[in-house]
Amino acid sequence: MTSHDVKAFAAAGPAFAALEQLGPIDWALWRTAADRLEHRLAGAPDLARRIHHLYVPVLAFAAAQARASRRHPVFIGMQAPQGGGKTTLVTHTLALLPELGLRGAGVSIDDFYLTREEQLRLAAAHPGNPYLEHRGYPGTHDVGLGERTLNALAGLGRDADGRATRVPVYDKSAHGGRGDRAPDTAWRDVSAPLDLVFIEGWMFGFTPVPDASITDAHFRAPNRALEAYERWYRFLDAFVLLRATDPNFVLKWRVEAEEAAKAQGKPGLDRAAIEDYVRRFLPAYARYAGGAPPNVPAGRRLVIGLDERRRPVRAPGTSAIPGAV
């Protein structure tokens, strides 16, 4: 595309008006980032839309947050449905940060899941509760481990050159796909200086609702567990929300992701088991999805919808202006 075509196409994206609110668009960097992504994602479907309406806008949003802050690293949360591509998005965003003179790290809240032994004890303590039987729901994470990790990452700012910390790793393929925390020898090393830290998860940003509004007695335990996650949210400076235009897309996406992993030779659940697993999450999407932690100002939120093919679109019920609904 010519420079004029790039500008026109980008301006038609669901996040562009929000980005304009943050300051002038650096078109030279936009084009450079897009060229890098075209090379790395060659052959991917709907590539132009994914690049100019999702990947580069999230990169530009993150860079604007980093440049506007006096404190580093800046923590950016990301909520997206399971199978929605959040981990891939963070990976490519981190790879592009050096083009902007920035350094970053990514953390998935999945890596803070309880160990397999702890998860089995949790399930035994809540017999018959389908939401706490397996990993995934609020209450199945080690919130203390996550808080300690985020606190350590917060200490790796621009003035901490030479310092480092270790980030836990969760092995989802262990125990036939039920998962377990990897031994600490497999944990990741993250070193300073950092400008940005991304924290992503399907339920990251969910907040509890009044117990009186819940009719499913089993759902009350994970709802109450959400209160503890505010210990993570307090680190946040900004937030990216990727909303499925229909929550039922999640089942299809998660099955596709599981089957893709198995096609690569990784252990995993069979189709019936993964469908059963994902259906347990649909009540949470109906109850919580699409909200950001209240401590993140509306002007520091970016909301983008995803259609059935995971293409970026205007999110249901949102304005083009960040945080407006």
Protein backbone atom coordinates (compact mmCIF):
# COMPACT_ATOMS: atom_id res chain seq x y z
CA MET A 1 0.00 0.00 0.00
CA THR A 2 1.10 3.58 -0.61
CA SER A 3 1.53 5.94 2.36
CA HIS A 4 -1.85 7.49 1.54
CA ASP A 5 -3.49 4.08 1.38
CA VAL A 6 -1.95 3.06 4.72
CA LYS A 7 -3.28 6.19 6.43
CA ALA A 8 -6.76 5.75 4.96
CA PHE A 9 -6.92 2.05 5.82
CA ALA A 10 -5.60 2.58 9.36
CA ALA A 11 -8.05 5.43 9.96
CA ALA A 12 -10.93 3.07 9.21
CA GLY A 13 -9.95 0.78 12.08
CA PRO A 14 -11.96 0.46 15.29
CA ALA A 15 -9.18 1.85 17.51
CA PHE A 16 -7.94 4.75 15.40
CA ALA A 17 -10.06 7.52 16.89
CA ALA A 18 -8.92 6.44 20.36
CA LEU A 19 -5.28 6.65 19.29
CA GLU A 20 -5.76 10.15 17.91
CA GLN A 21 -6.89 11.24 21.36
CA LEU A 22 -3.44 10.30 22.68
CA GLY A 23 -1.46 12.56 20.35
CA PRO A 24 -0.13 12.78 16.77
CA ILE A 25 0.31 9.50 14.89
CA ASP A 26 3.93 8.74 13.98
CA TRP A 27 3.33 7.41 10.47
CA ALA A 28 6.97 6.53 9.85
CA LEU A 29 6.99 4.19 12.86
CA TRP A 30 3.54 2.90 11.93
CA ARG A 31 4.78 1.89 8.49
CA THR A 32 7.99 0.38 9.88
CA ALA A 33 6.05 -1.74 12.38
CA ALA A 34 3.58 -2.80 9.69
CA ASP A 35 6.41 -3.86 7.37
CA ARG A 36 7.97 -5.99 10.13
CA LEU A 37 4.64 -7.65 10.83
CA GLU A 38 3.94 -8.33 7.17
CA HIS A 39 7.20 -10.27 7.05
CA ARG A 40 6.66 -12.16 10.32
CA LEU A 41 3.00 -13.01 9.66
CA ALA A 42 3.23 -13.68 5.93
CA GLY A 43 0.41 -15.95 4.83
CA ALA A 44 -1.86 -15.24 7.81
CA PRO A 45 -5.52 -14.57 6.94
CA ASP A 46 -6.91 -11.02 6.92
CA LEU A 47 -3.37 -9.79 7.42
CA ALA A 48 -3.88 -6.11 6.62
CA ARG A 49 -6.77 -5.81 9.06
CA ARG A 50 -4.91 -7.59 11.81
CA ILE A 51 -1.84 -5.41 11.34
CA HIS A 52 -3.41 -1.97 10.89
CA HIS A 53 -6.53 -2.41 13.03
CA LEU A 54 -5.10 -4.45 15.92
CA TYR A 55 -1.35 -5.08 16.19
CA VAL A 56 0.00 -1.62 15.33
CA PRO A 57 -2.76 0.23 17.23
CA VAL A 58 -1.98 -1.75 20.40
CA LEU A 59 1.72 -1.04 19.90
CA ALA A 60 1.02 2.68 19.42
CA PHE A 61 -1.24 2.73 22.50
CA ALA A 62 1.43 1.06 24.63
CA ALA A 63 4.14 3.43 23.40
CA ALA A 64 1.95 6.44 24.19
CA GLN A 65 1.43 5.17 27.75
CA ALA A 66 5.17 4.65 28.23
CA ARG A 67 6.05 8.09 26.95
CA ALA A 68 3.42 9.84 29.02
CA SER A 69 4.52 8.27 32.31
CA ARG A 70 7.28 9.43 34.62
CA ARG A 71 7.38 6.03 36.32
CA HIS A 72 8.65 2.90 34.61
CA PRO A 73 7.92 0.20 33.88
CA VAL A 74 4.37 1.06 32.87
CA PHE A 75 2.01 -1.88 33.47
CA ILE A 76 -0.58 -2.57 30.78
CA GLY A 77 -3.25 -5.17 31.42
CA MET A 78 -4.88 -7.11 28.61
CA GLN A 79 -8.15 -9.01 28.76
CA ALA A 80 -9.18 -11.20 25.82
CA PRO A 81 -11.23 -14.38 25.45
CA GLN A 82 -9.55 -17.76 25.51
CA GLY A 83 -8.20 -18.51 22.05
CA GLY A 84 -8.60 -14.85 21.07
CA GLY A 85 -4.91 -14.35 20.31
CA LYS A 86 -3.82 -12.26 23.30
CA THR A 87 -0.55 -14.13 23.87
CA THR A 88 0.35 -13.82 20.17
CA LEU A 89 -0.51 -10.12 20.24
CA VAL A 90 1.71 -9.50 23.27
CA THR A 91 4.57 -11.51 21.70
CA HIS A 92 4.56 -9.43 18.52
CA THR A 93 4.14 -6.17 20.42
CA LEU A 94 7.18 -6.94 22.57
CA ALA A 95 9.21 -7.82 19.48
CA LEU A 96 8.40 -4.41 17.95
CA LEU A 97 9.16 -2.26 20.99
CA PRO A 98 12.87 -1.87 20.13
CA GLU A 99 11.78 -0.11 16.91
CA LEU A 100 10.44 2.59 19.24
CA GLY A 101 13.45 2.59 21.54
CA LEU A 102 11.54 0.73 24.27
CA ARG A 103 12.02 -2.54 26.18
CA GLY A 104 9.27 -4.66 27.64
CA ALA A 105 8.26 -7.99 29.17
CA GLY A 106 5.08 -10.03 29.08
CA VAL A 107 3.40 -12.07 31.80
CA SER A 108 0.39 -14.38 31.49
CA ILE A 109 -1.72 -14.88 34.59
CA ASP A 110 -1.88 -18.52 33.51
CA ASP A 111 1.65 -18.84 34.88
CA PHE A 112 0.27 -18.09 38.34
CA TYR A 113 -2.08 -21.07 38.41
CA LEU A 114 -1.96 -23.30 41.48
CA THR A 115 0.24 -26.38 41.28
CA ARG A 116 -1.55 -29.56 40.26
CA GLU A 117 -1.50 -30.79 43.85
CA GLU A 118 -2.95 -27.51 45.12
CA GLN A 119 -5.63 -27.58 42.43
CA LEU A 120 -6.68 -31.08 43.41
CA ARG A 121 -6.97 -29.98 47.04
CA LEU A 122 -9.07 -26.98 45.99
CA ALA A 123 -11.42 -29.19 44.00
CA ALA A 124 -11.73 -31.60 46.93
CA ALA A 125 -12.62 -28.69 49.22
CA HIS A 126 -15.46 -27.72 46.84
CA PRO A 127 -16.98 -31.08 45.81
CA GLY A 128 -19.32 -30.85 42.85
CA ASN A 129 -18.30 -27.30 41.98
CA PRO A 130 -17.68 -27.30 38.19
CA TYR A 131 -15.91 -23.92 38.32
CA LEU A 132 -13.19 -24.98 40.74
CA GLU A 133 -12.71 -28.56 39.58
CA HIS A 134 -10.01 -27.57 37.10
CA ARG A 135 -7.69 -24.58 36.53
CA GLY A 136 -9.03 -21.42 34.99
CA TYR A 137 -11.53 -19.68 37.24
CA PRO A 138 -10.86 -17.05 39.90
CA GLY A 139 -9.62 -18.94 42.92
CA THR A 140 -7.39 -21.30 40.93
CA HIS A 141 -4.40 -18.91 40.91
CA ASP A 142 -1.70 -18.32 43.49
CA VAL A 143 -2.45 -14.64 43.98
CA GLY A 144 0.51 -14.20 46.33
CA LEU A 145 2.92 -15.63 43.77
CA GLY A 146 1.53 -13.28 41.15
CA GLU A 147 1.77 -10.27 43.43
CA ARG A 148 5.38 -11.05 44.33
CA THR A 149 6.28 -11.47 40.65
CA LEU A 150 4.63 -8.19 39.62
CA ASN A 151 6.28 -6.38 42.50
CA ALA A 152 9.67 -7.71 41.39
CA LEU A 153 9.01 -6.60 37.80
CA ALA A 154 8.02 -3.16 39.08
CA GLY A 155 11.56 -2.85 40.40
CA LEU A 156 13.11 -3.32 36.96
CA GLY A 157 12.67 0.22 35.69
CA ARG A 158 15.04 2.42 33.72
CA ASP A 159 17.28 3.04 36.74
CA ALA A 160 17.64 -0.67 37.58
CA ASP A 161 20.08 -1.74 34.87
CA GLY A 162 21.75 -5.01 35.82
CA ARG A 163 18.92 -6.28 38.00
CA ALA A 164 16.74 -9.26 37.06
CA THR A 165 13.94 -11.44 38.36
CA ARG A 166 12.45 -14.84 37.55
CA VAL A 167 8.91 -15.32 36.23
CA PRO A 168 7.00 -18.58 36.84
CA VAL A 169 6.04 -20.86 33.96
CA TYR A 170 2.95 -23.09 33.84
CA ASP A 171 3.07 -26.27 31.76
CA LYS A 172 -0.43 -26.75 30.32
CA SER A 173 0.55 -30.03 28.69
CA ALA A 174 1.34 -31.76 32.00
CA HIS A 175 -0.99 -34.44 33.38
CA GLY A 176 -2.68 -35.09 30.05
CA GLY A 177 -3.49 -31.43 29.47
CA ARG A 178 -4.72 -30.62 32.98
CA GLY A 179 -1.46 -28.75 33.64
CA ASP A 180 1.00 -28.08 36.45
CA ARG A 181 3.50 -25.39 37.40
CA ALA A 182 6.86 -26.03 35.80
CA PRO A 183 9.89 -26.56 38.08
CA ASP A 184 11.70 -23.33 38.90
CA THR A 185 14.60 -24.40 36.69
CA ALA A 186 12.25 -23.77 33.74
CA TRP A 187 11.16 -20.30 34.88
CA ARG A 188 11.99 -17.28 32.71
CA ASP A 189 14.61 -14.67 33.51
CA VAL A 190 13.57 -11.04 32.96
CA SER A 191 16.17 -8.30 33.23
CA ALA A 192 16.12 -4.53 33.57
CA PRO A 193 15.69 -1.92 32.27
CA LEU A 194 12.01 -2.22 31.37
CA ASP A 195 9.73 0.47 29.97
CA LEU A 196 6.61 -1.69 29.75
CA VAL A 197 5.15 -4.82 31.31
CA PHE A 198 2.13 -6.52 29.74
CA ILE A 199 -0.08 -8.73 31.90
CA GLU A 200 -2.64 -10.78 30.00
CA GLY A 201 -5.38 -13.23 30.84
CA TRP A 202 -8.89 -14.22 29.85
CA MET A 203 -10.31 -13.07 33.22
CA PHE A 204 -7.77 -10.36 33.98
CA GLY A 205 -9.71 -7.29 35.04
CA PHE A 206 -12.83 -9.10 36.23
CA THR A 207 -14.28 -7.69 39.47
CA PRO A 208 -16.78 -9.33 41.86
CA VAL A 209 -20.51 -8.73 41.71
CA PRO A 210 -22.89 -8.78 44.71
CA ASP A 211 -23.55 -12.30 45.96
CA ALA A 212 -27.27 -11.54 45.98
CA SER A 213 -27.22 -11.27 42.17
CA ILE A 214 -25.89 -14.84 41.78
CA THR A 215 -28.41 -17.68 41.54
CA ASP A 216 -25.87 -20.48 40.98
CA ALA A 217 -24.56 -21.39 44.44
CA HIS A 218 -21.36 -22.88 42.96
CA PHE A 219 -20.56 -19.58 41.25
CA ARG A 220 -20.36 -17.67 44.53
CA ALA A 221 -16.97 -19.10 45.56
CA PRO A 222 -15.07 -17.90 42.46
CA ASN A 223 -16.94 -14.60 42.58
CA ARG A 224 -15.74 -14.00 46.14
CA ALA A 225 -12.23 -15.08 45.16
CA LEU A 226 -12.09 -12.17 42.71
CA GLU A 227 -11.64 -9.72 45.59
CA ALA A 228 -8.06 -10.94 46.06
CA TYR A 229 -7.14 -10.13 42.44
CA GLU A 230 -7.25 -6.43 43.23
CA ARG A 231 -3.74 -7.05 44.60
CA TRP A 232 -2.72 -7.50 40.95
CA TYR A 233 -4.85 -4.70 39.51
CA ARG A 234 -3.19 -2.07 41.69
CA PHE A 235 -0.09 -2.31 39.48
CA LEU A 236 -1.98 -1.29 36.34
CA ASP A 237 -1.50 2.00 34.50
CA ALA A 238 -3.48 1.18 31.34
CA PHE A 239 -5.69 -1.56 29.94
CA VAL A 240 -6.47 -3.21 26.58
CA LEU A 241 -9.79 -5.01 26.15
CA LEU A 242 -10.39 -7.41 23.27
CA ARG A 243 -14.11 -8.27 23.28
CA ALA A 244 -15.67 -11.10 21.30
CA THR A 245 -18.76 -9.80 19.53
CA ASP A 246 -20.42 -13.07 20.59
CA PRO A 247 -19.19 -14.92 23.73
CA ASN A 248 -19.99 -18.25 22.07
CA PHE A 249 -17.05 -17.74 19.71
CA VAL A 250 -14.82 -18.68 22.63
CA LEU A 251 -15.71 -22.36 22.41
CA LYS A 252 -14.70 -22.54 18.75
CA TRP A 253 -11.48 -20.58 19.31
CA ARG A 254 -10.38 -22.65 22.29
CA VAL A 255 -11.02 -25.94 20.50
CA GLU A 256 -9.01 -24.68 17.51
CA ALA A 257 -6.12 -23.63 19.76
CA GLU A 258 -6.08 -26.99 21.55
CA GLU A 259 -6.15 -28.95 18.30
CA ALA A 260 -3.37 -26.79 16.85
CA ALA A 261 -1.20 -27.55 19.88
CA LYS A 262 -1.89 -31.27 19.54
CA ALA A 263 -1.03 -31.09 15.82
CA GLN A 264 2.41 -29.85 16.91
CA GLY A 265 2.84 -33.01 18.98
CA LYS A 266 1.96 -31.48 22.35
CA PRO A 267 -0.21 -33.48 24.79
CA GLY A 268 -3.71 -32.14 25.29
CA LEU A 269 -7.35 -32.86 25.98
CA ASP A 270 -9.58 -34.59 23.44
CA ARG A 271 -12.30 -32.53 21.73
CA ALA A 272 -15.09 -33.64 24.09
CA ALA A 273 -13.01 -32.80 27.15
CA ILE A 274 -11.99 -29.38 25.87
CA GLU A 275 -15.59 -28.52 24.94
CA ASP A 276 -16.70 -29.52 28.43
CA TYR A 277 -13.86 -27.48 29.92
CA VAL A 278 -14.64 -24.32 27.94
CA ARG A 279 -18.42 -24.47 28.45
CA ARG A 280 -17.76 -24.07 32.16
CA PHE A 281 -16.37 -20.58 31.42
CA LEU A 282 -19.37 -19.25 29.53
CA PRO A 283 -21.19 -18.13 32.71
CA ALA A 284 -18.14 -16.03 33.63
CA TYR A 285 -18.06 -14.37 30.22
CA ALA A 286 -21.75 -13.58 30.52
CA ARG A 287 -21.29 -12.15 34.02
CA TYR A 288 -17.97 -10.27 33.85
CA ALA A 289 -16.37 -9.99 30.40
CA GLY A 290 -15.66 -6.61 28.88
CA GLY A 291 -14.91 -4.68 32.04
CA ALA A 292 -11.66 -3.09 33.13
CA PRO A 293 -10.48 -2.62 36.74
CA PRO A 294 -12.01 0.60 38.11
CA ASN A 295 -8.61 1.96 39.13
CA VAL A 296 -7.62 2.34 35.44
CA PRO A 297 -8.89 5.71 34.13
CA ALA A 298 -11.23 5.59 31.13
CA GLY A 299 -8.75 7.52 29.00
CA ARG A 300 -6.14 4.81 29.50
CA ARG A 301 -8.28 1.99 28.12
CA LEU A 302 -8.33 0.70 24.56
CA VAL A 303 -11.30 -1.45 23.51
CA ILE A 304 -11.38 -3.49 20.29
CA GLY A 305 -13.94 -6.09 19.23
CA LEU A 306 -13.19 -9.46 17.61
CA ASP A 307 -15.55 -11.11 15.15
CA GLU A 308 -15.89 -14.86 14.66
CA ARG A 309 -12.70 -14.96 12.57
CA ARG A 310 -10.85 -12.93 15.23
CA ARG A 311 -10.77 -9.90 12.95
CA PRO A 312 -10.71 -6.52 14.75
CA VAL A 313 -14.04 -4.66 14.66
CA ARG A 314 -15.82 -2.03 16.73
CA ALA A 315 -16.64 -3.62 20.08
CA PRO A 316 -20.34 -3.88 20.92
CA GLY A 317 -21.61 -0.98 23.02
CA THR A 318 -18.47 1.15 22.69
CA SER A 319 -17.60 4.52 21.29
CA ALA A 320 -14.49 5.23 19.21
CA ILE A 321 -13.13 7.28 22.11
CA PRO A 322 -11.08 5.35 24.71
CA GLY A 323 -13.13 4.29 27.70
CA ALA A 324 -16.38 5.70 26.36
CA VAL A 325 -19.42 3.42 26.41
